[in-house]
Amino acid sequence: MPKMKTKKSAAKRYSFTGTGKVKYKKQNLRHILTKKSSKRKRNLRHAGILSSDNVLVIKKRLLPYG
């Protein structure tokens, strides 16, 4: 049985924490920032944690060796 390949696009977007949660960078912080409030931009800076429903999909299909 050959090794499973990691989906490189997913590997660039997601990473795992020490406890096995999936971490990602939030969207909407690249351009057209003038109309967004400071509070909204500040909250988008921090990493997001993926819900537990989607963690299994990421681990099994996209990042099998993560």
C-alpha atoms as a PDB file:
ATOM      1  CA  MET A   1       0.000   0.000   0.000  1.00  0.00           C
ATOM      2  CA  PRO A   2       1.567   3.343  -1.002  1.00  0.00           C
ATOM      3  CA  LYS A   3       1.717   6.303   1.330  1.00  0.00           C
ATOM      4  CA  MET A   4      -1.216   8.709   1.325  1.00  0.00           C
ATOM      5  CA  LYS A   5      -0.425  12.115  -0.098  1.00  0.00           C
ATOM      6  CA  THR A   6      -1.036  15.245   1.938  1.00  0.00           C
ATOM      7  CA  LYS A   7      -3.206  17.860   0.245  1.00  0.00           C
ATOM      8  CA  LYS A   8      -0.683  20.694   0.092  1.00  0.00           C
ATOM      9  CA  SER A   9      -3.342  23.396  -0.201  1.00  0.00           C
ATOM     10  CA  ALA A  10      -4.812  22.226   3.106  1.00  0.00           C
ATOM     11  CA  ALA A  11      -1.374  21.960   4.726  1.00  0.00           C
ATOM     12  CA  LYS A  12      -0.777  25.648   3.988  1.00  0.00           C
ATOM     13  CA  ARG A  13      -4.112  26.668   5.527  1.00  0.00           C
ATOM     14  CA  TYR A  14      -4.459  24.462   8.606  1.00  0.00           C
ATOM     15  CA  SER A  15      -2.185  23.407  11.456  1.00  0.00           C
ATOM     16  CA  PHE A  16      -2.713  21.318  14.569  1.00  0.00           C
ATOM     17  CA  THR A  17      -2.440  22.424  18.169  1.00  0.00           C
ATOM     18  CA  GLY A  18      -0.842  20.267  20.844  1.00  0.00           C
ATOM     19  CA  THR A  19      -4.221  18.932  21.943  1.00  0.00           C
ATOM     20  CA  GLY A  20      -5.259  17.965  18.392  1.00  0.00           C
ATOM     21  CA  LYS A  21      -7.495  20.908  17.538  1.00  0.00           C
ATOM     22  CA  VAL A  22      -7.268  22.424  14.054  1.00  0.00           C
ATOM     23  CA  LYS A  23      -6.086  26.029  13.822  1.00  0.00           C
ATOM     24  CA  TYR A  24      -6.521  28.349  10.819  1.00  0.00           C
ATOM     25  CA  LYS A  25      -6.066  32.001   9.867  1.00  0.00           C
ATOM     26  CA  LYS A  26      -9.296  33.947   9.589  1.00  0.00           C
ATOM     27  CA  GLN A  27     -10.301  35.454   6.259  1.00  0.00           C
ATOM     28  CA  ASN A  28     -11.297  39.030   5.300  1.00  0.00           C
ATOM     29  CA  LEU A  29      -8.090  40.780   6.379  1.00  0.00           C
ATOM     30  CA  ARG A  30      -6.326  41.218   3.020  1.00  0.00           C
ATOM     31  CA  HIS A  31      -7.820  44.231   1.256  1.00  0.00           C
ATOM     32  CA  ILE A  32     -10.666  46.791   1.429  1.00  0.00           C
ATOM     33  CA  LEU A  33      -9.809  47.404   5.085  1.00  0.00           C
ATOM     34  CA  THR A  34     -11.011  51.008   5.257  1.00  0.00           C
ATOM     35  CA  LYS A  35     -14.685  50.108   5.595  1.00  0.00           C
ATOM     36  CA  LYS A  36     -14.067  47.507   8.311  1.00  0.00           C
ATOM     37  CA  SER A  37     -14.115  48.635  11.913  1.00  0.00           C
ATOM     38  CA  SER A  38     -11.028  48.478  14.114  1.00  0.00           C
ATOM     39  CA  LYS A  39     -12.764  46.006  16.412  1.00  0.00           C
ATOM     40  CA  ARG A  40     -13.529  43.679  13.502  1.00  0.00           C
ATOM     41  CA  LYS A  41      -9.961  43.842  12.170  1.00  0.00           C
ATOM     42  CA  ARG A  42      -8.525  43.250  15.637  1.00  0.00           C
ATOM     43  CA  ASN A  43     -10.657  40.134  16.121  1.00  0.00           C
ATOM     44  CA  LEU A  44      -9.641  38.783  12.705  1.00  0.00           C
ATOM     45  CA  ARG A  45      -5.946  38.864  13.655  1.00  0.00           C
ATOM     46  CA  HIS A  46      -6.222  35.922  16.020  1.00  0.00           C
ATOM     47  CA  ALA A  47      -6.232  32.332  14.795  1.00  0.00           C
ATOM     48  CA  GLY A  48      -9.541  30.507  14.618  1.00  0.00           C
ATOM     49  CA  ILE A  49     -10.227  27.020  15.951  1.00  0.00           C
ATOM     50  CA  LEU A  50     -12.155  24.695  13.659  1.00  0.00           C
ATOM     51  CA  SER A  51     -15.323  23.084  15.037  1.00  0.00           C
ATOM     52  CA  SER A  52     -15.054  19.452  16.091  1.00  0.00           C
ATOM     53  CA  ASP A  53     -17.392  18.325  13.271  1.00  0.00           C
ATOM     54  CA  ASN A  54     -14.883  19.309  10.594  1.00  0.00           C
ATOM     55  CA  VAL A  55     -11.757  18.101  12.397  1.00  0.00           C
ATOM     56  CA  LEU A  56     -12.232  14.494  11.291  1.00  0.00           C
ATOM     57  CA  VAL A  57     -12.518  15.521   7.633  1.00  0.00           C
ATOM     58  CA  ILE A  58      -9.308  17.523   7.813  1.00  0.00           C
ATOM     59  CA  LYS A  59      -7.403  14.775   9.626  1.00  0.00           C
ATOM     60  CA  LYS A  60      -8.533  11.813   7.525  1.00  0.00           C
ATOM     61  CA  ARG A  61      -8.796  13.214   4.016  1.00  0.00           C
ATOM     62  CA  LEU A  62      -6.598  16.261   3.767  1.00  0.00           C
ATOM     63  CA  LEU A  63      -3.814  15.884   6.334  1.00  0.00           C
ATOM     64  CA  PRO A  64      -3.499  12.137   6.995  1.00  0.00           C
ATOM     65  CA  TYR A  65      -0.113  12.404   8.742  1.00  0.00           C
ATOM     66  CA  GLY A  66      -0.814  15.649  10.596  1.00  0.00           C
END
